[in-house]
Amino acid sequence: MSGKYWTEDEIARLNQIAQAETVDWEKIVSEMGRTRHSIQLKMRSLGLRMRAHYGGLGFTVERPPTPNRDIAELMEQQAKAFEQKKGRHEKKQKGITIELDEPGPYAIAFFGDPHVGDDGTDIEYLAYCMDFVRNTPRCYAVNIGDLTNNWVGRLARLYAHQHTTDDEEIKLCEWLSESLPWMWVILGNHDKWTPIAEIVCRNAGVMHVSHGAKFTIRCGDNELVVDARHDHRGRSQYNPAFGQMKQQYRGSDANLLVGGHIHNGAYSLVKNGVSGRIGHCIRLGAFKKYDDYADANGFSPDSVGPICMAVVDPSKDPHDIGYVTVFWDLEHGAAFLEVLRKKEEEA
């Protein structure tokens, strides 16, 4: 009789069966109206061990305490875990606030996928860009993700195609994280395969988030909203920045929508007719310029670049076209920033 509830009398009978020296299963099955299999399953679930199985030796075994939490404690802690995850998710969606110490014009340099350790990564250009940003006053750095290859599982075979070992990649990741005061780092899909990049960022004191988030940068009374993700969903063969444009068309309130991931760099300036917000839609390329996967699939090298600089003029209204100016040449961006800063000092 499957599905029939077990009564207290039946449970008591199971305890008697467990203590019996011999067991007549034909009699028990007839008496209880249940199959032998269901009776044995119930006894196992109750932790009842049958003495008859041990030849009636007359000993009992003390069961160790269960490592599992009881249902009341489990429900309470699951609810607490949900609230904690909910708070983090909502904060990422609403906007992580960053307060700048000084007023006036500033810039943000967005770095595309570094993939340090890969033979196809232009490590010298990456180092140059890091030095340039570090030595440019009022220029802050953001990394859009995939710090290393971090090959795992079946992909671990690809370490045979690069000269650096996994341990050496970690050293390069530490160099990358410690060589710049990153405003924030996005952990991309490669970074999430193992916790290595997260541990490196934590040890370096770098603020990092998984996959992406919205950031609100406050400069005095002025706010810049940045929607930074390793990848925005949406693809177009005609425009690699289509994913960011799609988000803008949906009514994003961000001034800058920045992603990476597919190693194609592109830029589109889009104004949403409903929100009135001008969105700078940016897809960054990668410092990993040569890729066997891209070569095998015939992907053309159509990236604008792996880094861009967004110069912000807080004297402008966030809805004005001149509020943010994007440069794909760091030198030109830094020169424009210097002009704005001198103009601000003279005012």
Protein backbone atom coordinates (compact mmCIF):
# COMPACT_ATOMS: atom_id res chain seq x y z
CA MET A 1 0.00 0.00 0.00
CA SER A 2 2.36 2.68 -1.22
CA GLY A 3 1.56 6.21 -0.10
CA LYS A 4 -0.11 5.06 3.14
CA TYR A 5 0.94 7.02 6.22
CA TRP A 6 2.89 5.19 8.89
CA THR A 7 1.03 5.07 12.19
CA GLU A 8 2.60 5.20 15.66
CA ASP A 9 1.66 1.54 16.18
CA GLU A 10 3.47 0.61 12.96
CA ILE A 11 6.56 2.54 14.00
CA ALA A 12 6.52 0.70 17.32
CA ARG A 13 6.25 -2.61 15.43
CA LEU A 14 9.29 -1.64 13.33
CA ASN A 15 11.28 -1.12 16.52
CA GLN A 16 10.27 -4.62 17.63
CA ILE A 17 11.39 -6.06 14.30
CA ALA A 18 14.75 -4.32 14.63
CA GLN A 19 15.34 -5.92 18.04
CA ALA A 20 14.20 -9.42 17.05
CA GLU A 21 16.73 -12.27 16.88
CA THR A 22 14.97 -13.75 13.84
CA VAL A 23 12.59 -12.24 11.32
CA ASP A 24 9.68 -14.00 9.57
CA TRP A 25 9.14 -11.64 6.65
CA GLU A 26 6.15 -13.52 5.25
CA LYS A 27 4.32 -13.08 8.56
CA ILE A 28 5.32 -9.41 8.91
CA VAL A 29 4.26 -8.51 5.37
CA SER A 30 0.89 -10.19 5.90
CA GLU A 31 0.42 -8.53 9.29
CA MET A 32 1.33 -4.97 8.24
CA GLY A 33 -0.14 -5.02 4.76
CA ARG A 34 3.03 -3.50 3.27
CA THR A 35 5.76 -4.83 1.02
CA ARG A 36 9.04 -5.99 2.48
CA HIS A 37 10.86 -3.34 0.45
CA SER A 38 8.78 -0.47 1.85
CA ILE A 39 9.21 -1.78 5.40
CA GLN A 40 12.99 -1.94 5.01
CA LEU A 41 13.13 1.52 3.47
CA LYS A 42 11.18 2.96 6.38
CA MET A 43 13.45 1.24 8.89
CA ARG A 44 16.51 2.70 7.17
CA SER A 45 14.99 6.17 7.24
CA LEU A 46 14.42 5.79 10.98
CA GLY A 47 17.96 4.56 11.53
CA LEU A 48 16.81 1.13 12.70
CA ARG A 49 19.44 -1.59 12.33
CA MET A 50 18.21 -5.21 12.40
CA ARG A 51 19.91 -7.48 14.94
CA ALA A 52 18.94 -10.47 12.80
CA HIS A 53 21.36 -9.29 10.11
CA TYR A 54 24.24 -9.72 12.55
CA GLY A 55 23.27 -13.30 13.52
CA GLY A 56 21.68 -12.19 16.81
CA LEU A 57 24.99 -11.23 18.40
CA GLY A 58 23.19 -8.90 20.79
CA PHE A 59 24.92 -5.58 20.22
CA THR A 60 23.68 -2.15 19.20
CA VAL A 61 25.57 0.57 17.40
CA GLU A 62 25.45 4.16 18.59
CA ARG A 63 24.79 6.38 15.60
CA PRO A 64 26.85 9.60 15.40
CA PRO A 65 24.93 12.87 15.34
CA THR A 66 23.85 14.06 11.91
CA PRO A 67 25.87 16.88 10.34
CA ASN A 68 22.69 18.32 8.85
CA ARG A 69 20.72 21.18 10.35
CA ASP A 70 17.19 20.62 11.56
CA ILE A 71 14.39 22.09 9.44
CA ALA A 72 13.74 25.13 11.67
CA GLU A 73 17.41 26.18 11.65
CA LEU A 74 17.69 25.39 7.94
CA MET A 75 14.68 27.55 7.05
CA GLU A 76 15.93 30.45 9.17
CA GLN A 77 19.40 30.41 7.66
CA GLN A 78 18.09 29.97 4.10
CA ALA A 79 15.89 33.04 4.60
CA LYS A 80 18.89 34.99 5.90
CA ALA A 81 21.01 33.90 2.92
CA PHE A 82 18.23 35.00 0.56
CA GLU A 83 18.04 38.47 2.13
CA GLN A 84 21.82 38.84 1.89
CA LYS A 85 21.89 37.85 -1.77
CA LYS A 86 18.85 40.03 -2.51
CA GLY A 87 20.56 43.06 -0.93
CA ARG A 88 23.71 42.56 -3.00
CA HIS A 89 21.77 42.05 -6.23
CA GLU A 90 19.56 45.11 -5.68
CA LYS A 91 22.57 47.26 -4.83
CA LYS A 92 24.31 46.19 -8.05
CA GLN A 93 21.19 47.01 -10.05
CA LYS A 94 20.43 50.30 -8.31
CA GLY A 95 23.99 51.59 -8.34
CA ILE A 96 27.19 51.30 -6.32
CA THR A 97 28.13 54.80 -5.22
CA ILE A 98 31.64 56.17 -5.62
CA GLU A 99 32.47 59.60 -4.18
CA LEU A 100 35.34 61.56 -5.75
CA ASP A 101 37.45 63.55 -3.31
CA GLU A 102 37.92 66.56 -5.58
CA PRO A 103 35.51 68.51 -7.82
CA GLY A 104 36.15 69.36 -11.45
CA PRO A 105 36.74 67.46 -14.71
CA TYR A 106 37.97 63.89 -14.55
CA ALA A 107 38.40 60.84 -16.78
CA ILE A 108 37.82 57.12 -16.62
CA ALA A 109 40.00 54.74 -18.62
CA PHE A 110 38.15 51.52 -19.44
CA PHE A 111 40.39 48.50 -20.03
CA GLY A 112 39.15 45.65 -22.20
CA ASP A 113 39.85 41.96 -21.57
CA PRO A 114 43.53 41.65 -20.51
CA HIS A 115 43.99 37.83 -20.59
CA VAL A 116 47.47 38.25 -19.14
CA GLY A 117 49.51 35.13 -19.64
CA ASP A 118 48.25 34.41 -23.14
CA ASP A 119 50.89 34.45 -25.89
CA GLY A 120 48.52 36.51 -28.04
CA THR A 121 48.21 39.31 -25.47
CA ASP A 122 50.10 42.54 -26.19
CA ILE A 123 51.56 42.77 -22.69
CA GLU A 124 53.82 45.70 -23.58
CA TYR A 125 50.88 47.81 -24.77
CA LEU A 126 48.90 46.85 -21.68
CA ALA A 127 51.80 47.93 -19.45
CA TYR A 128 52.11 51.19 -21.42
CA CYS A 129 48.40 51.95 -20.97
CA MET A 130 48.61 51.24 -17.26
CA ASP A 131 51.61 53.55 -16.86
CA PHE A 132 49.91 56.27 -18.89
CA VAL A 133 46.71 56.17 -16.83
CA ARG A 134 48.62 56.02 -13.54
CA ASN A 135 50.57 59.18 -14.50
CA THR A 136 47.53 61.13 -15.76
CA PRO A 137 46.06 63.32 -12.98
CA ARG A 138 42.35 62.79 -12.29
CA CYS A 139 42.19 59.73 -14.53
CA TYR A 140 40.74 56.60 -12.93
CA ALA A 141 40.97 53.02 -14.16
CA VAL A 142 38.27 50.38 -14.64
CA ASN A 143 38.82 46.80 -15.79
CA ILE A 144 35.98 45.12 -17.67
CA GLY A 145 37.03 41.52 -16.92
CA ASP A 146 38.80 38.31 -17.93
CA LEU A 147 42.03 39.13 -16.18
CA THR A 148 43.57 35.78 -17.16
CA ASN A 149 42.75 32.79 -19.37
CA ASN A 150 42.24 30.65 -16.27
CA TRP A 151 41.70 27.49 -18.34
CA VAL A 152 39.75 24.80 -16.50
CA GLY A 153 38.25 21.39 -17.26
CA ARG A 154 38.67 20.35 -20.88
CA LEU A 155 39.99 23.83 -21.69
CA ALA A 156 43.01 23.21 -19.44
CA ARG A 157 44.61 21.52 -22.46
CA LEU A 158 45.04 25.03 -23.92
CA TYR A 159 47.86 25.69 -21.44
CA ALA A 160 49.90 23.65 -23.93
CA HIS A 161 49.49 26.56 -26.38
CA GLN A 162 50.91 29.27 -24.11
CA HIS A 163 54.31 29.63 -22.53
CA THR A 164 53.07 30.70 -19.11
CA THR A 165 51.96 28.12 -16.56
CA ASP A 166 48.86 28.55 -14.42
CA ASP A 167 51.05 29.65 -11.48
CA GLU A 168 52.79 32.24 -13.66
CA GLU A 169 49.39 33.52 -14.79
CA ILE A 170 48.52 34.15 -11.14
CA LYS A 171 51.72 36.21 -10.76
CA LEU A 172 50.74 38.29 -13.80
CA CYS A 173 47.24 38.71 -12.40
CA GLU A 174 48.74 40.02 -9.14
CA TRP A 175 50.90 42.45 -11.13
CA LEU A 176 47.83 43.65 -13.02
CA SER A 177 45.77 44.14 -9.85
CA GLU A 178 48.49 45.85 -7.82
CA SER A 179 49.97 48.17 -10.48
CA LEU A 180 46.99 50.52 -10.68
CA PRO A 181 44.53 51.92 -8.12
CA TRP A 182 41.55 50.41 -9.95
CA MET A 183 38.28 52.17 -9.27
CA TRP A 184 36.61 48.81 -9.79
CA VAL A 185 37.13 45.49 -11.59
CA ILE A 186 34.46 43.36 -13.25
CA LEU A 187 35.00 39.62 -12.96
CA GLY A 188 34.30 38.06 -16.36
CA ASN A 189 33.39 34.51 -17.33
CA HIS A 190 37.03 33.35 -17.34
CA ASP A 191 37.51 34.89 -13.88
CA LYS A 192 34.48 33.05 -12.51
CA TRP A 193 35.65 29.55 -13.49
CA THR A 194 37.77 29.50 -10.33
CA PRO A 195 38.02 32.03 -7.44
CA ILE A 196 41.64 32.97 -8.26
CA ALA A 197 40.94 36.45 -9.71
CA GLU A 198 38.56 37.26 -6.87
CA ILE A 199 41.17 36.26 -4.28
CA VAL A 200 43.85 38.31 -6.06
CA CYS A 201 41.58 41.39 -6.17
CA ARG A 202 40.65 40.96 -2.52
CA ASN A 203 44.30 40.70 -1.48
CA ALA A 204 45.11 43.82 -3.52
CA GLY A 205 42.22 45.76 -1.93
CA VAL A 206 40.49 46.20 -5.30
CA MET A 207 36.71 46.59 -5.35
CA HIS A 208 35.33 43.89 -7.64
CA VAL A 209 31.93 42.56 -8.69
CA SER A 210 30.92 39.48 -10.64
CA HIS A 211 29.60 39.91 -14.19
CA GLY A 212 28.68 43.59 -13.88
CA ALA A 213 26.84 46.32 -12.01
CA LYS A 214 25.65 49.90 -12.21
CA PHE A 215 27.91 52.54 -10.69
CA THR A 216 27.07 56.10 -9.66
CA ILE A 217 30.12 58.38 -9.53
CA ARG A 218 29.50 61.54 -7.55
CA CYS A 219 31.63 64.61 -8.14
CA GLY A 220 30.27 67.38 -5.95
CA ASP A 221 26.59 67.73 -6.83
CA ASN A 222 27.10 65.99 -10.15
CA GLU A 223 26.48 62.30 -10.88
CA LEU A 224 27.73 60.03 -13.65
CA VAL A 225 25.93 56.71 -14.12
CA VAL A 226 27.94 53.83 -15.60
CA ASP A 227 26.43 50.49 -16.58
CA ALA A 228 29.55 48.31 -16.69
CA ARG A 229 29.25 44.62 -17.51
CA HIS A 230 31.62 42.05 -18.87
CA ASP A 231 28.95 41.46 -21.49
CA HIS A 232 25.61 43.02 -22.43
CA ARG A 233 23.33 40.56 -24.19
CA GLY A 234 22.65 41.23 -27.85
CA ARG A 235 24.62 40.60 -31.03
CA SER A 236 24.74 42.17 -34.48
CA GLN A 237 27.12 41.39 -37.32
CA TYR A 238 26.99 45.06 -38.26
CA ASN A 239 27.79 46.61 -34.87
CA PRO A 240 29.66 44.89 -31.99
CA ALA A 241 28.22 47.52 -29.60
CA PHE A 242 24.66 46.38 -30.32
CA GLY A 243 24.34 44.78 -26.86
CA GLN A 244 24.98 48.12 -25.17
CA MET A 245 22.68 49.91 -27.63
CA LYS A 246 19.92 47.40 -26.89
CA GLN A 247 20.19 48.22 -23.20
CA GLN A 248 20.07 51.94 -23.98
CA TYR A 249 16.98 51.55 -26.17
CA ARG A 250 15.26 49.78 -23.29
CA GLY A 251 15.44 53.02 -21.30
CA SER A 252 18.72 52.81 -19.37
CA ASP A 253 19.55 55.85 -17.26
CA ALA A 254 23.29 55.30 -17.72
CA ASN A 255 25.55 57.87 -19.36
CA LEU A 256 28.05 55.14 -20.21
CA LEU A 257 27.25 51.54 -21.09
CA VAL A 258 30.50 49.59 -21.28
CA GLY A 259 31.18 45.92 -21.98
CA GLY A 260 33.77 43.59 -23.45
CA HIS A 261 33.88 39.79 -23.73
CA ILE A 262 33.70 39.18 -27.51
CA HIS A 263 37.05 40.91 -28.26
CA ASN A 264 35.43 43.33 -30.72
CA GLY A 265 35.64 47.03 -29.99
CA ALA A 266 32.99 49.49 -31.19
CA TYR A 267 31.31 52.73 -30.16
CA SER A 268 27.85 54.18 -30.78
CA LEU A 269 26.27 57.34 -29.42
CA VAL A 270 22.55 56.85 -28.80
CA LYS A 271 19.90 59.11 -27.33
CA ASN A 272 16.85 57.45 -25.82
CA GLY A 273 13.75 59.37 -26.87
CA VAL A 274 11.81 58.39 -23.74
CA SER A 275 14.36 59.05 -20.99
CA GLY A 276 16.12 61.82 -22.90
CA ARG A 277 19.42 60.31 -21.79
CA ILE A 278 22.41 60.29 -24.13
CA GLY A 279 24.11 56.92 -23.84
CA HIS A 280 27.68 56.28 -24.88
CA CYS A 281 27.50 52.61 -25.92
CA ILE A 282 30.95 51.05 -25.83
CA ARG A 283 32.16 47.54 -26.55
CA LEU A 284 35.85 47.21 -25.75
CA GLY A 285 38.22 44.97 -27.63
CA ALA A 286 40.81 42.81 -25.90
CA PHE A 287 44.52 43.15 -25.26
CA LYS A 288 44.57 39.54 -26.44
CA LYS A 289 45.03 40.39 -30.12
CA TYR A 290 45.84 36.99 -31.58
CA ASP A 291 43.52 34.13 -30.80
CA ASP A 292 43.53 30.58 -32.23
CA TYR A 293 39.75 30.38 -31.76
CA ALA A 294 39.24 33.56 -33.80
CA ASP A 295 41.72 32.31 -36.39
CA ALA A 296 39.97 28.94 -36.73
CA ASN A 297 36.57 30.61 -37.18
CA GLY A 298 37.79 33.31 -39.54
CA PHE A 299 36.88 36.24 -37.31
CA SER A 300 38.27 39.46 -38.76
CA PRO A 301 40.33 41.81 -36.55
CA ASP A 302 37.70 44.58 -36.54
CA SER A 303 38.21 45.88 -33.01
CA VAL A 304 38.45 49.66 -32.56
CA GLY A 305 40.70 49.14 -29.56
CA PRO A 306 41.10 47.48 -26.15
CA ILE A 307 40.98 50.73 -24.17
CA CYS A 308 39.16 54.05 -24.25
CA MET A 309 39.05 57.15 -22.09
CA ALA A 310 35.81 58.88 -21.14
CA VAL A 311 36.37 62.50 -20.10
CA VAL A 312 33.63 63.97 -17.90
CA ASP A 313 32.89 67.69 -17.61
CA PRO A 314 30.79 68.15 -14.44
CA SER A 315 30.02 71.76 -15.41
CA LYS A 316 27.73 70.38 -18.13
CA ASP A 317 24.25 68.99 -17.64
CA PRO A 318 24.21 65.15 -17.70
CA HIS A 319 21.74 65.34 -20.61
CA ASP A 320 24.07 67.55 -22.70
CA ILE A 321 26.18 66.13 -25.51
CA GLY A 322 29.37 67.58 -24.00
CA TYR A 323 28.92 66.01 -20.58
CA VAL A 324 30.96 62.95 -21.61
CA THR A 325 33.52 62.83 -24.43
CA VAL A 326 34.99 59.47 -25.42
CA PHE A 327 38.50 59.07 -26.82
CA TRP A 328 40.05 55.91 -28.23
CA ASP A 329 43.46 57.59 -28.18
CA LEU A 330 44.77 58.02 -24.63
CA GLU A 331 47.05 60.94 -25.50
CA HIS A 332 44.21 62.94 -27.07
CA GLY A 333 41.95 62.15 -24.12
CA ALA A 334 44.55 63.26 -21.60
CA ALA A 335 45.18 66.49 -23.54
CA PHE A 336 41.45 67.27 -23.59
CA LEU A 337 41.20 66.57 -19.86
CA GLU A 338 44.10 68.93 -19.17
CA VAL A 339 42.40 71.70 -21.17
CA LEU A 340 39.20 71.26 -19.15
CA ARG A 341 41.08 71.29 -15.87
CA LYS A 342 42.95 74.48 -16.74
CA LYS A 343 39.68 76.09 -17.83
CA GLU A 344 38.18 75.10 -14.50
CA GLU A 345 41.12 76.59 -12.56
CA GLU A 346 40.92 79.87 -14.45
CA ALA A 347 37.18 80.23 -13.96
